[in-house]
């Protein structure tokens, strides 16, 4: 598990007074402001955050140290991370995506299928992207209790009971 979790990204500037357009990855999108200070991925920069208004596909927000449109434009694409201890704890059957990435994926018999490379949420449910040396291409696995009955963060693995043919080489 990592010490910080990605909670949002800056998609550009908003207006001419240094505000940024912010996309939140939080279950409650407006809660992102409660997790400040937020950090760049490398931890070199930190920001306090004030949401000023809701806008299409996110929020307009002010970040400390960003005063001009040019400074806001320069942050486009920057992912924002919060310290894990600032985030709410989750129920036993929920996980932060960052905790799933890198887990070893095994079938019910213990055979290694690959590693979790990414987690996608397209609205209808999460998909786990599994990559492995024996796979010709990445495999997308539905992240449901039926297909993924066990996630063991301490052991660094998840058990996947794939539908027939999903992992055929």
C-alpha atoms as a PDB file:
ATOM      1  CA  UNK A   1       0.000   0.000   0.000  1.00  0.00           C
ATOM      2  CA  UNK A   2       1.192   3.493  -0.784  1.00  0.00           C
ATOM      3  CA  UNK A   3       1.330   6.424   1.639  1.00  0.00           C
ATOM      4  CA  UNK A   4      -0.591   8.638  -0.786  1.00  0.00           C
ATOM      5  CA  UNK A   5      -3.623   8.063  -2.984  1.00  0.00           C
ATOM      6  CA  UNK A   6      -4.521   9.887  -6.198  1.00  0.00           C
ATOM      7  CA  UNK A   7      -7.716  11.852  -5.491  1.00  0.00           C
ATOM      8  CA  UNK A   8      -7.949  14.155  -8.505  1.00  0.00           C
ATOM      9  CA  UNK A   9      -6.366  15.805 -11.510  1.00  0.00           C
ATOM     10  CA  UNK A  10      -6.123  19.285 -12.951  1.00  0.00           C
ATOM     11  CA  UNK A  11      -7.603  19.452 -16.429  1.00  0.00           C
ATOM     12  CA  UNK A  12      -6.598  23.051 -17.164  1.00  0.00           C
ATOM     13  CA  UNK A  13      -7.198  26.620 -16.139  1.00  0.00           C
ATOM     14  CA  UNK A  14     -10.585  28.165 -15.437  1.00  0.00           C
ATOM     15  CA  UNK A  15     -10.935  31.850 -16.170  1.00  0.00           C
ATOM     16  CA  UNK A  16      -8.121  34.367 -16.038  1.00  0.00           C
ATOM     17  CA  UNK A  17      -7.510  34.714 -12.283  1.00  0.00           C
ATOM     18  CA  UNK A  18      -5.513  31.561 -11.563  1.00  0.00           C
ATOM     19  CA  UNK A  19      -8.326  29.121 -10.908  1.00  0.00           C
ATOM     20  CA  UNK A  20      -7.942  25.558 -12.146  1.00  0.00           C
ATOM     21  CA  UNK A  21     -10.454  23.123 -13.578  1.00  0.00           C
ATOM     22  CA  UNK A  22     -10.387  20.141 -11.220  1.00  0.00           C
ATOM     23  CA  UNK A  23     -11.629  16.591 -11.740  1.00  0.00           C
ATOM     24  CA  UNK A  24     -12.191  14.712  -8.482  1.00  0.00           C
ATOM     25  CA  UNK A  25     -11.775  10.935  -8.243  1.00  0.00           C
ATOM     26  CA  UNK A  26     -13.437  10.768  -4.804  1.00  0.00           C
ATOM     27  CA  UNK A  27     -16.700   8.908  -4.101  1.00  0.00           C
ATOM     28  CA  UNK A  28     -18.026  12.268  -2.887  1.00  0.00           C
ATOM     29  CA  UNK A  29     -16.358  14.574  -5.441  1.00  0.00           C
ATOM     30  CA  UNK A  30     -16.584  17.715  -3.273  1.00  0.00           C
ATOM     31  CA  UNK A  31     -14.816  15.938  -0.393  1.00  0.00           C
ATOM     32  CA  UNK A  32     -11.482  16.354  -2.196  1.00  0.00           C
ATOM     33  CA  UNK A  33     -11.037  19.719  -0.457  1.00  0.00           C
ATOM     34  CA  UNK A  34     -11.193  17.983   2.961  1.00  0.00           C
ATOM     35  CA  UNK A  35      -8.095  15.902   2.136  1.00  0.00           C
ATOM     36  CA  UNK A  36      -5.745  18.864   1.635  1.00  0.00           C
ATOM     37  CA  UNK A  37      -2.911  19.449   1.562  1.00  0.00           C
ATOM     38  CA  UNK A  38      -2.720  17.714  -1.818  1.00  0.00           C
ATOM     39  CA  UNK A  39       0.590  16.792  -3.413  1.00  0.00           C
ATOM     40  CA  UNK A  40       2.068  16.301  -6.859  1.00  0.00           C
ATOM     41  CA  UNK A  41       2.980  12.672  -7.608  1.00  0.00           C
ATOM     42  CA  UNK A  42       6.635  13.230  -6.749  1.00  0.00           C
ATOM     43  CA  UNK A  43       5.700  15.135  -3.573  1.00  0.00           C
ATOM     44  CA  UNK A  44       7.733  18.165  -4.655  1.00  0.00           C
ATOM     45  CA  UNK A  45       4.705  20.492  -4.581  1.00  0.00           C
ATOM     46  CA  UNK A  46       1.838  20.737  -2.131  1.00  0.00           C
ATOM     47  CA  UNK A  47      -1.389  22.696  -2.376  1.00  0.00           C
ATOM     48  CA  UNK A  48      -4.243  23.744  -0.181  1.00  0.00           C
ATOM     49  CA  UNK A  49      -7.445  23.696  -2.169  1.00  0.00           C
ATOM     50  CA  UNK A  50     -10.628  25.776  -2.164  1.00  0.00           C
ATOM     51  CA  UNK A  51     -13.475  24.765  -4.444  1.00  0.00           C
ATOM     52  CA  UNK A  52     -15.050  27.943  -5.807  1.00  0.00           C
ATOM     53  CA  UNK A  53     -17.878  26.464  -7.921  1.00  0.00           C
ATOM     54  CA  UNK A  54     -19.099  23.396  -9.749  1.00  0.00           C
ATOM     55  CA  UNK A  55     -18.410  23.419 -13.492  1.00  0.00           C
ATOM     56  CA  UNK A  56     -19.007  20.930 -16.280  1.00  0.00           C
ATOM     57  CA  UNK A  57     -17.121  17.687 -15.485  1.00  0.00           C
ATOM     58  CA  UNK A  58     -15.689  18.912 -12.176  1.00  0.00           C
ATOM     59  CA  UNK A  59     -14.988  22.025 -10.180  1.00  0.00           C
ATOM     60  CA  UNK A  60     -13.303  25.385 -10.471  1.00  0.00           C
ATOM     61  CA  UNK A  61     -10.828  25.673  -7.623  1.00  0.00           C
ATOM     62  CA  UNK A  62      -8.077  27.804  -6.187  1.00  0.00           C
ATOM     63  CA  UNK A  63      -4.752  26.259  -5.256  1.00  0.00           C
ATOM     64  CA  UNK A  64      -2.218  27.926  -2.981  1.00  0.00           C
ATOM     65  CA  UNK A  65       0.655  29.393  -4.949  1.00  0.00           C
ATOM     66  CA  UNK A  66      -1.322  29.627  -8.204  1.00  0.00           C
ATOM     67  CA  UNK A  67      -2.308  33.209  -8.991  1.00  0.00           C
ATOM     68  CA  UNK A  68      -2.351  33.573 -12.779  1.00  0.00           C
ATOM     69  CA  UNK A  69      -3.939  31.849 -15.758  1.00  0.00           C
ATOM     70  CA  UNK A  70      -0.460  30.935 -17.009  1.00  0.00           C
ATOM     71  CA  UNK A  71       0.424  29.230 -13.708  1.00  0.00           C
ATOM     72  CA  UNK A  72      -2.896  27.347 -13.809  1.00  0.00           C
ATOM     73  CA  UNK A  73      -2.312  26.340 -17.470  1.00  0.00           C
ATOM     74  CA  UNK A  74       1.115  24.956 -16.519  1.00  0.00           C
ATOM     75  CA  UNK A  75      -0.539  22.501 -14.105  1.00  0.00           C
ATOM     76  CA  UNK A  76      -2.745  20.866 -16.745  1.00  0.00           C
ATOM     77  CA  UNK A  77      -2.551  17.090 -16.365  1.00  0.00           C
ATOM     78  CA  UNK A  78      -1.116  17.232 -12.834  1.00  0.00           C
ATOM     79  CA  UNK A  79      -2.508  14.451 -10.642  1.00  0.00           C
ATOM     80  CA  UNK A  80      -3.172  15.368  -7.029  1.00  0.00           C
ATOM     81  CA  UNK A  81      -2.452  12.982  -4.157  1.00  0.00           C
ATOM     82  CA  UNK A  82      -3.678  12.974  -0.561  1.00  0.00           C
ATOM     83  CA  UNK A  83      -2.037  11.365   2.439  1.00  0.00           C
ATOM     84  CA  UNK A  84      -3.725   8.012   3.075  1.00  0.00           C
ATOM     85  CA  UNK A  85      -4.353   8.839   6.743  1.00  0.00           C
ATOM     86  CA  UNK A  86      -6.501  11.826   5.685  1.00  0.00           C
ATOM     87  CA  UNK A  87      -8.872   9.545   3.714  1.00  0.00           C
ATOM     88  CA  UNK A  88     -11.852   7.753   5.240  1.00  0.00           C
ATOM     89  CA  UNK A  89     -11.458   4.078   6.118  1.00  0.00           C
ATOM     90  CA  UNK A  90     -13.347   1.688   3.886  1.00  0.00           C
ATOM     91  CA  UNK A  91     -15.629  -1.252   4.607  1.00  0.00           C
ATOM     92  CA  UNK A  92     -14.070  -4.717   4.240  1.00  0.00           C
ATOM     93  CA  UNK A  93     -15.413  -5.213   0.711  1.00  0.00           C
ATOM     94  CA  UNK A  94     -14.170  -1.888  -0.709  1.00  0.00           C
ATOM     95  CA  UNK A  95     -10.649  -0.938  -1.777  1.00  0.00           C
ATOM     96  CA  UNK A  96      -8.727   2.065  -2.980  1.00  0.00           C
ATOM     97  CA  UNK A  97      -7.667   1.483  -6.591  1.00  0.00           C
ATOM     98  CA  UNK A  98      -4.062   2.271  -5.632  1.00  0.00           C
ATOM     99  CA  UNK A  99      -4.076  -0.723  -3.281  1.00  0.00           C
ATOM    100  CA  UNK A 100      -5.149  -3.128  -6.032  1.00  0.00           C
ATOM    101  CA  UNK A 101      -2.519  -2.115  -8.585  1.00  0.00           C
ATOM    102  CA  UNK A 102       0.448  -4.468  -8.398  1.00  0.00           C
ATOM    103  CA  UNK A 103      -1.393  -7.359  -6.745  1.00  0.00           C
ATOM    104  CA  UNK A 104      -0.597 -10.829  -8.081  1.00  0.00           C
ATOM    105  CA  UNK A 105      -3.631 -12.403  -9.749  1.00  0.00           C
ATOM    106  CA  UNK A 106      -4.113 -16.147  -9.196  1.00  0.00           C
ATOM    107  CA  UNK A 107      -6.842 -18.580 -10.214  1.00  0.00           C
ATOM    108  CA  UNK A 108      -8.730 -20.614  -7.555  1.00  0.00           C
ATOM    109  CA  UNK A 109      -6.085 -23.355  -7.849  1.00  0.00           C
ATOM    110  CA  UNK A 110      -3.253 -20.913  -7.101  1.00  0.00           C
ATOM    111  CA  UNK A 111      -1.864 -20.654 -10.656  1.00  0.00           C
ATOM    112  CA  UNK A 112      -0.464 -17.166 -11.309  1.00  0.00           C
ATOM    113  CA  UNK A 113      -2.374 -15.438 -14.109  1.00  0.00           C
ATOM    114  CA  UNK A 114      -0.620 -12.074 -14.007  1.00  0.00           C
ATOM    115  CA  UNK A 115      -0.531  -8.784 -12.124  1.00  0.00           C
ATOM    116  CA  UNK A 116      -3.085  -6.003 -11.716  1.00  0.00           C
ATOM    117  CA  UNK A 117      -1.848  -3.203 -13.948  1.00  0.00           C
ATOM    118  CA  UNK A 118      -4.797  -0.778 -13.720  1.00  0.00           C
ATOM    119  CA  UNK A 119      -8.351  -0.368 -12.461  1.00  0.00           C
ATOM    120  CA  UNK A 120     -11.002   1.264 -14.636  1.00  0.00           C
ATOM    121  CA  UNK A 121     -14.418   2.565 -13.630  1.00  0.00           C
ATOM    122  CA  UNK A 122     -16.630   3.195 -16.644  1.00  0.00           C
ATOM    123  CA  UNK A 123     -19.827   3.576 -14.641  1.00  0.00           C
ATOM    124  CA  UNK A 124     -21.230   0.051 -14.919  1.00  0.00           C
ATOM    125  CA  UNK A 125     -18.671  -1.401 -12.511  1.00  0.00           C
ATOM    126  CA  UNK A 126     -14.933  -1.599 -12.097  1.00  0.00           C
ATOM    127  CA  UNK A 127     -12.687  -3.546 -14.447  1.00  0.00           C
ATOM    128  CA  UNK A 128      -9.290  -4.892 -13.442  1.00  0.00           C
ATOM    129  CA  UNK A 129      -6.594  -4.872 -16.141  1.00  0.00           C
ATOM    130  CA  UNK A 130      -4.371  -7.925 -15.770  1.00  0.00           C
ATOM    131  CA  UNK A 131      -1.056  -8.252 -17.583  1.00  0.00           C
ATOM    132  CA  UNK A 132       1.332 -11.158 -17.496  1.00  0.00           C
ATOM    133  CA  UNK A 133       4.221 -12.765 -19.371  1.00  0.00           C
ATOM    134  CA  UNK A 134       1.994 -15.614 -20.628  1.00  0.00           C
ATOM    135  CA  UNK A 135      -0.709 -13.243 -21.895  1.00  0.00           C
ATOM    136  CA  UNK A 136      -0.675 -11.976 -25.486  1.00  0.00           C
ATOM    137  CA  UNK A 137      -2.586  -8.863 -24.452  1.00  0.00           C
ATOM    138  CA  UNK A 138      -3.979  -7.291 -21.304  1.00  0.00           C
ATOM    139  CA  UNK A 139      -7.117  -8.977 -19.975  1.00  0.00           C
ATOM    140  CA  UNK A 140      -9.999  -6.954 -18.492  1.00  0.00           C
ATOM    141  CA  UNK A 141     -11.661  -8.755 -15.590  1.00  0.00           C
ATOM    142  CA  UNK A 142     -14.972  -7.614 -14.056  1.00  0.00           C
ATOM    143  CA  UNK A 143     -14.316  -6.649 -10.437  1.00  0.00           C
ATOM    144  CA  UNK A 144     -17.328  -8.420  -8.937  1.00  0.00           C
ATOM    145  CA  UNK A 145     -17.637 -10.792  -5.982  1.00  0.00           C
ATOM    146  CA  UNK A 146     -18.459 -13.649  -8.374  1.00  0.00           C
ATOM    147  CA  UNK A 147     -15.309 -13.188 -10.496  1.00  0.00           C
ATOM    148  CA  UNK A 148     -12.975 -11.865  -7.771  1.00  0.00           C
ATOM    149  CA  UNK A 149     -14.003 -13.722  -4.603  1.00  0.00           C
ATOM    150  CA  UNK A 150     -10.847 -12.893  -2.614  1.00  0.00           C
ATOM    151  CA  UNK A 151      -8.647  -9.827  -2.283  1.00  0.00           C
ATOM    152  CA  UNK A 152      -5.834 -10.231   0.238  1.00  0.00           C
ATOM    153  CA  UNK A 153      -3.904  -6.972   0.476  1.00  0.00           C
ATOM    154  CA  UNK A 154      -1.547  -8.295   3.162  1.00  0.00           C
ATOM    155  CA  UNK A 155      -0.530 -11.260   0.971  1.00  0.00           C
ATOM    156  CA  UNK A 156      -0.404  -9.027  -2.129  1.00  0.00           C
ATOM    157  CA  UNK A 157      -2.766 -11.176  -4.184  1.00  0.00           C
ATOM    158  CA  UNK A 158      -6.287 -11.538  -5.476  1.00  0.00           C
ATOM    159  CA  UNK A 159      -8.069 -14.709  -6.514  1.00  0.00           C
ATOM    160  CA  UNK A 160      -9.869 -14.509  -9.862  1.00  0.00           C
ATOM    161  CA  UNK A 161     -12.365 -17.159 -10.966  1.00  0.00           C
ATOM    162  CA  UNK A 162     -12.528 -16.112 -14.624  1.00  0.00           C
ATOM    163  CA  UNK A 163     -15.315 -16.944 -17.050  1.00  0.00           C
ATOM    164  CA  UNK A 164     -14.331 -19.712 -19.488  1.00  0.00           C
ATOM    165  CA  UNK A 165     -11.904 -18.533 -22.145  1.00  0.00           C
ATOM    166  CA  UNK A 166     -11.030 -15.185 -20.554  1.00  0.00           C
ATOM    167  CA  UNK A 167      -7.387 -16.091 -19.913  1.00  0.00           C
ATOM    168  CA  UNK A 168      -6.792 -18.399 -22.897  1.00  0.00           C
ATOM    169  CA  UNK A 169      -3.333 -17.899 -24.296  1.00  0.00           C
END
